[in-house]
Amino acid sequence: MRPTLAEAEGCGKVSKIPAIHPRALGPFHLRLSHYLFPMFSLAGKTALVTGAGSGIGAAIAETFAQAGALVIVADVNAAGGNETVETIRRLGGQAVFAPLNVTDEAGCVSLAEQVHGQHGPLDVLVNNAGVGHVGTLLTTSGSDFDRLYAINVRGTFNVTKVFLPSMLARGRGSIINLSSTAGLEGLKDRLAYGVTKHAITGFTRCLALDHATSGVRVNCLCPGRVETPFVKARLAEYPDPKAAYQEMCGTQANGRMGQPKEIAAAALYLASDESSFVTGSALSIDGGWTAGMF
């Protein structure tokens, strides 16, 4: 209970309290902020983010840690994963790295056993690990298609399957899958990618309905083009990187690409208790790309 003004004054003269911005307190400003403003807080929760070694995954992991969660940073890239952990710890957050190849079913089982043994059941699972591909049916090989399906779809299936039972047993949890605008509409020259992202959107909706009354919520994020390190590297390969950049920005109605932290903010909403009435949703974060779709 908050003290009354009289109690705060202590029947004496009240001194004027100087305004201090939380960031002036150093790395612990994040915890203070969530103590004073608990909306979207993940304090006391454990979250696992796959593909958290870079880009959107890293931004989500860092945002969750800032909100108070213990974050398990899972990635096949140890260097990238450990860099994310170091960033989180430098800002006063809690994180541990866990090597994970999402296509390895036995590896997923082993990781779940390790996580449950050391940290207990997950509160939040983010299936972010994924890869892209450019090509039509005629230019996409069977091995290309199988690789994208194995990582984007089967990988999401593998990880969810080993963590869902403990969530169901305790009657709560939030699962967030990374789909795409390509999981809501057709996208030219992205056949294999589009098929796998449509699969993720469908997987999300079916899983949400199967467990709608369990206390476990399942949603997916559908970003437009996001300015990740991967995208920047691909742009540098074009004959005219500046023109390619402008073309990518022009896809969105607002004329720019998204930033990883903007996708992370939406993930934080879905991870938090403030989204308790949200399940089975495909949340578009695309600068208006799909606004005229329906």
Protein backbone atom coordinates (compact mmCIF):
# COMPACT_ATOMS: atom_id res chain seq x y z
CA MET A 1 0.00 0.00 0.00
CA ARG A 2 1.33 3.43 -0.92
CA PRO A 3 1.82 5.87 2.00
CA THR A 4 -0.47 8.88 2.20
CA LEU A 5 0.96 12.32 1.68
CA ALA A 6 0.81 12.96 5.42
CA GLU A 7 2.68 9.74 6.15
CA ALA A 8 5.25 10.61 3.54
CA GLU A 9 5.73 14.05 5.06
CA GLY A 10 6.19 12.57 8.54
CA CYS A 11 4.35 15.64 9.95
CA GLY A 12 7.33 17.72 8.97
CA LYS A 13 8.47 19.84 6.10
CA VAL A 14 8.69 17.98 2.81
CA SER A 15 11.93 18.45 0.94
CA LYS A 16 11.77 18.75 -2.80
CA ILE A 17 13.01 15.51 -4.33
CA PRO A 18 15.28 16.08 -7.33
CA ALA A 19 14.22 14.39 -10.55
CA ILE A 20 16.60 11.56 -11.43
CA HIS A 21 16.33 9.82 -14.76
CA PRO A 22 16.55 6.02 -14.23
CA ARG A 23 19.45 5.78 -16.71
CA ALA A 24 21.54 7.93 -14.41
CA LEU A 25 21.59 4.95 -12.06
CA GLY A 26 23.60 2.84 -14.49
CA PRO A 27 22.88 -0.78 -15.51
CA PHE A 28 20.29 -1.25 -12.79
CA HIS A 29 17.99 1.43 -14.22
CA LEU A 30 16.17 -1.34 -16.08
CA ARG A 31 15.13 -3.15 -12.92
CA LEU A 32 14.15 0.12 -11.26
CA SER A 33 12.00 1.07 -14.23
CA HIS A 34 10.12 -2.19 -14.06
CA TYR A 35 9.70 -1.86 -10.31
CA LEU A 36 8.13 1.57 -10.71
CA PHE A 37 6.30 0.78 -13.95
CA PRO A 38 5.48 -2.96 -13.87
CA MET A 39 3.41 -3.11 -17.07
CA PHE A 40 4.97 -5.62 -19.49
CA SER A 41 7.28 -6.84 -16.74
CA LEU A 42 8.81 -10.31 -17.06
CA ALA A 43 10.34 -10.24 -13.60
CA GLY A 44 10.72 -13.74 -12.15
CA LYS A 45 10.07 -15.40 -15.50
CA THR A 46 12.28 -17.65 -17.59
CA ALA A 47 12.33 -17.26 -21.36
CA LEU A 48 14.11 -19.18 -24.12
CA VAL A 49 14.76 -17.55 -27.49
CA THR A 50 16.07 -19.59 -30.43
CA GLY A 51 18.23 -17.93 -33.05
CA ALA A 52 19.13 -15.30 -30.45
CA GLY A 53 22.69 -14.82 -31.64
CA SER A 54 21.86 -11.92 -33.94
CA GLY A 55 19.18 -9.75 -35.48
CA ILE A 56 15.59 -10.06 -34.29
CA GLY A 57 16.39 -12.93 -31.93
CA ALA A 58 19.12 -10.96 -30.17
CA ALA A 59 16.84 -7.93 -29.87
CA ILE A 60 14.09 -10.05 -28.33
CA ALA A 61 16.49 -11.67 -25.87
CA GLU A 62 17.88 -8.29 -24.81
CA THR A 63 14.41 -6.77 -24.46
CA PHE A 64 13.16 -9.68 -22.35
CA ALA A 65 16.18 -9.38 -20.07
CA GLN A 66 15.57 -5.65 -19.69
CA ALA A 67 12.01 -6.52 -18.65
CA GLY A 68 13.38 -8.72 -15.86
CA ALA A 69 13.42 -12.23 -17.33
CA LEU A 70 16.17 -14.79 -17.10
CA VAL A 71 16.85 -15.41 -20.78
CA ILE A 72 18.23 -18.62 -22.24
CA VAL A 73 19.96 -17.57 -25.45
CA ALA A 74 19.82 -20.55 -27.82
CA ASP A 75 21.67 -20.55 -31.12
CA VAL A 76 23.73 -22.81 -33.35
CA ASN A 77 26.27 -19.96 -33.55
CA ALA A 78 28.16 -19.98 -30.24
CA ALA A 79 30.02 -16.74 -30.95
CA GLY A 80 26.84 -14.82 -31.68
CA GLY A 81 24.97 -16.38 -28.79
CA ASN A 82 27.69 -15.56 -26.28
CA GLU A 83 27.87 -12.00 -27.60
CA THR A 84 24.15 -11.58 -26.88
CA VAL A 85 24.66 -12.96 -23.37
CA GLU A 86 27.54 -10.55 -22.74
CA THR A 87 25.43 -7.61 -23.92
CA ILE A 88 22.58 -8.58 -21.59
CA ARG A 89 24.88 -9.03 -18.60
CA ARG A 90 26.65 -5.74 -19.30
CA LEU A 91 23.27 -4.01 -18.96
CA GLY A 92 22.58 -5.76 -15.67
CA GLY A 93 20.33 -8.51 -17.02
CA GLN A 94 20.42 -12.28 -16.58
CA ALA A 95 21.21 -14.64 -19.45
CA VAL A 96 22.88 -17.94 -20.22
CA PHE A 97 23.91 -19.40 -23.55
CA ALA A 98 22.66 -22.77 -24.76
CA PRO A 99 24.00 -24.27 -28.01
CA LEU A 100 21.12 -25.55 -30.11
CA ASN A 101 20.55 -26.84 -33.62
CA VAL A 102 16.76 -26.80 -33.90
CA THR A 103 16.80 -29.49 -36.59
CA ASP A 104 18.38 -31.95 -34.13
CA GLU A 105 15.43 -33.59 -32.36
CA ALA A 106 17.62 -35.35 -29.79
CA GLY A 107 19.45 -32.10 -29.10
CA CYS A 108 16.14 -30.35 -28.42
CA VAL A 109 15.14 -33.08 -25.97
CA SER A 110 18.51 -32.78 -24.22
CA LEU A 111 18.22 -29.00 -23.96
CA ALA A 112 14.73 -29.26 -22.46
CA GLU A 113 15.98 -31.67 -19.82
CA GLN A 114 18.86 -29.33 -18.99
CA VAL A 115 16.64 -26.23 -18.82
CA HIS A 116 13.97 -27.92 -16.71
CA GLY A 117 16.60 -29.33 -14.38
CA GLN A 118 18.42 -26.03 -13.85
CA HIS A 119 15.72 -23.39 -14.27
CA GLY A 120 12.37 -25.16 -14.05
CA PRO A 121 9.56 -24.87 -16.63
CA LEU A 122 9.69 -22.08 -19.17
CA ASP A 123 7.31 -19.15 -18.94
CA VAL A 124 8.04 -17.94 -22.47
CA LEU A 125 9.29 -19.70 -25.59
CA VAL A 126 10.23 -17.76 -28.71
CA ASN A 127 10.77 -19.81 -31.87
CA ASN A 128 12.83 -17.33 -33.86
CA ALA A 129 15.46 -19.51 -35.55
CA GLY A 130 14.98 -19.50 -39.31
CA VAL A 131 16.59 -18.97 -42.70
CA GLY A 132 15.57 -17.34 -45.96
CA HIS A 133 15.85 -18.19 -49.63
CA VAL A 134 15.32 -16.40 -52.93
CA GLY A 135 13.82 -18.36 -55.81
CA THR A 136 10.81 -19.51 -57.80
CA LEU A 137 9.76 -23.14 -58.15
CA LEU A 138 12.00 -23.44 -61.21
CA THR A 139 15.07 -22.10 -59.43
CA THR A 140 14.51 -23.79 -56.05
CA SER A 141 16.07 -27.22 -55.66
CA GLY A 142 14.65 -30.01 -53.57
CA SER A 143 17.55 -29.65 -51.16
CA ASP A 144 16.85 -25.91 -50.85
CA PHE A 145 13.24 -26.64 -49.98
CA ASP A 146 14.15 -29.39 -47.52
CA ARG A 147 16.69 -27.16 -45.76
CA LEU A 148 14.18 -24.35 -45.22
CA TYR A 149 11.49 -26.76 -44.08
CA ALA A 150 13.88 -28.50 -41.66
CA ILE A 151 14.91 -25.26 -39.95
CA ASN A 152 11.86 -23.02 -40.23
CA VAL A 153 9.07 -25.56 -39.74
CA ARG A 154 10.42 -28.77 -38.25
CA GLY A 155 12.74 -26.76 -36.02
CA THR A 156 9.78 -24.86 -34.56
CA PHE A 157 7.93 -28.16 -34.16
CA ASN A 158 10.91 -29.82 -32.43
CA VAL A 159 11.49 -27.06 -29.89
CA THR A 160 7.81 -26.52 -29.10
CA LYS A 161 7.20 -30.23 -28.62
CA VAL A 162 9.80 -30.55 -25.85
CA PHE A 163 8.77 -27.45 -23.89
CA LEU A 164 4.98 -27.47 -24.27
CA PRO A 165 4.25 -30.37 -21.86
CA SER A 166 5.72 -28.59 -18.82
CA MET A 167 3.79 -25.43 -19.68
CA LEU A 168 0.57 -27.43 -19.90
CA ALA A 169 1.34 -29.16 -16.59
CA ARG A 170 1.60 -25.83 -14.74
CA GLY A 171 -1.28 -24.26 -16.66
CA ARG A 172 0.48 -21.23 -18.10
CA GLY A 173 2.98 -20.09 -20.69
CA SER A 174 3.41 -18.02 -23.82
CA ILE A 175 4.74 -19.40 -27.09
CA ILE A 176 5.73 -16.87 -29.75
CA ASN A 177 6.60 -18.03 -33.25
CA LEU A 178 8.28 -15.90 -35.89
CA SER A 179 6.32 -15.94 -39.11
CA SER A 180 6.42 -13.13 -41.70
CA THR A 181 4.28 -11.07 -44.01
CA ALA A 182 5.22 -13.92 -46.36
CA GLY A 183 3.18 -16.12 -44.01
CA LEU A 184 0.08 -14.05 -44.71
CA GLU A 185 0.28 -13.43 -48.44
CA GLY A 186 2.17 -14.59 -51.50
CA LEU A 187 5.60 -13.10 -52.06
CA LYS A 188 7.32 -13.11 -55.43
CA ASP A 189 10.61 -15.04 -55.75
CA ARG A 190 10.30 -16.45 -52.22
CA LEU A 191 8.57 -19.77 -52.88
CA ALA A 192 10.27 -21.98 -50.27
CA TYR A 193 10.41 -19.21 -47.69
CA GLY A 194 6.76 -18.30 -48.22
CA VAL A 195 5.63 -21.91 -47.91
CA THR A 196 7.47 -22.37 -44.62
CA LYS A 197 6.18 -19.11 -43.16
CA HIS A 198 2.59 -19.98 -44.12
CA ALA A 199 3.22 -23.25 -42.29
CA ILE A 200 4.33 -21.35 -39.17
CA THR A 201 1.19 -19.21 -39.23
CA GLY A 202 -0.95 -22.34 -39.56
CA PHE A 203 1.01 -24.17 -36.87
CA THR A 204 0.44 -21.22 -34.52
CA ARG A 205 -3.30 -21.12 -35.06
CA CYS A 206 -3.80 -24.88 -34.74
CA LEU A 207 -1.66 -25.11 -31.60
CA ALA A 208 -3.53 -22.17 -30.05
CA LEU A 209 -6.90 -23.85 -30.63
CA ASP A 210 -5.71 -27.22 -29.37
CA HIS A 211 -4.71 -25.68 -26.04
CA ALA A 212 -6.96 -22.61 -25.80
CA THR A 213 -8.33 -23.50 -22.34
CA SER A 214 -5.02 -24.67 -20.87
CA GLY A 215 -3.56 -21.31 -19.90
CA VAL A 216 -0.89 -21.63 -22.59
CA ARG A 217 -1.13 -18.97 -25.29
CA VAL A 218 0.34 -19.31 -28.78
CA ASN A 219 0.82 -16.41 -31.18
CA CYS A 220 3.09 -15.45 -34.05
CA LEU A 221 4.73 -12.27 -35.24
CA CYS A 222 4.63 -11.36 -38.93
CA PRO A 223 7.30 -8.75 -39.60
CA GLY A 224 7.78 -6.93 -42.85
CA ARG A 225 11.32 -6.22 -43.98
CA VAL A 226 13.59 -5.61 -41.02
CA GLU A 227 17.03 -4.00 -41.12
CA THR A 228 19.01 -6.82 -39.53
CA PRO A 229 22.75 -7.48 -39.94
CA PHE A 230 21.83 -10.30 -42.34
CA VAL A 231 19.79 -7.96 -44.56
CA LYS A 232 22.56 -5.34 -44.50
CA ALA A 233 25.07 -7.97 -45.61
CA ARG A 234 22.83 -9.07 -48.49
CA LEU A 235 22.31 -5.45 -49.58
CA ALA A 236 26.07 -4.97 -49.82
CA GLU A 237 26.17 -7.73 -52.46
CA TYR A 238 23.92 -5.82 -54.90
CA PRO A 239 25.54 -3.85 -57.77
CA ASP A 240 23.81 -0.73 -56.41
CA PRO A 241 23.30 -1.23 -52.65
CA LYS A 242 21.66 2.19 -52.22
CA ALA A 243 19.04 1.49 -54.89
CA ALA A 244 18.38 -1.96 -53.42
CA TYR A 245 17.96 -0.42 -49.98
CA GLN A 246 15.42 2.10 -51.27
CA GLU A 247 13.53 -0.67 -53.06
CA MET A 248 13.28 -2.69 -49.86
CA CYS A 249 12.15 0.35 -47.90
CA GLY A 250 9.51 1.08 -50.53
CA THR A 251 7.79 -2.24 -49.89
CA GLN A 252 6.40 -0.85 -46.64
CA ALA A 253 3.65 1.76 -46.83
CA ASN A 254 5.53 4.02 -44.43
CA GLY A 255 8.62 3.96 -46.66
CA ARG A 256 11.17 2.35 -44.37
CA MET A 257 12.29 -1.00 -43.01
CA GLY A 258 11.63 -2.00 -39.44
CA GLN A 259 14.27 -2.22 -36.73
CA PRO A 260 14.84 -5.40 -34.67
CA LYS A 261 13.89 -3.58 -31.46
CA GLU A 262 10.46 -2.80 -32.93
CA ILE A 263 9.78 -6.49 -33.44
CA ALA A 264 11.14 -7.18 -29.95
CA ALA A 265 8.65 -4.72 -28.45
CA ALA A 266 5.77 -6.68 -29.95
CA ALA A 267 7.28 -9.92 -28.65
CA LEU A 268 7.45 -8.40 -25.16
CA TYR A 269 3.73 -7.62 -25.31
CA LEU A 270 2.89 -11.20 -26.27
CA ALA A 271 5.21 -12.57 -23.59
CA SER A 272 3.72 -10.43 -20.84
CA ASP A 273 0.56 -10.95 -18.80
CA GLU A 274 -0.93 -7.85 -20.44
CA SER A 275 -1.67 -10.01 -23.51
CA SER A 276 -3.52 -12.68 -21.50
CA PHE A 277 -6.57 -12.50 -23.81
CA VAL A 278 -4.47 -12.92 -26.96
CA THR A 279 -3.98 -16.37 -28.50
CA GLY A 280 -4.00 -17.68 -32.05
CA SER A 281 -3.10 -14.25 -33.42
CA ALA A 282 -0.78 -13.40 -36.28
CA LEU A 283 0.44 -9.91 -35.42
CA SER A 284 1.62 -7.88 -38.39
CA ILE A 285 4.51 -5.50 -37.75
CA ASP A 286 5.13 -4.40 -41.30
CA GLY A 287 4.91 -0.64 -41.72
CA GLY A 288 1.56 -1.01 -43.47
CA TRP A 289 2.72 -3.61 -46.01
CA THR A 290 -0.35 -5.82 -45.59
CA ALA A 291 -2.83 -3.01 -44.83
CA GLY A 292 -4.55 -3.38 -48.21
CA MET A 293 -4.42 -7.14 -48.29
CA PHE A 294 -7.92 -7.96 -47.08
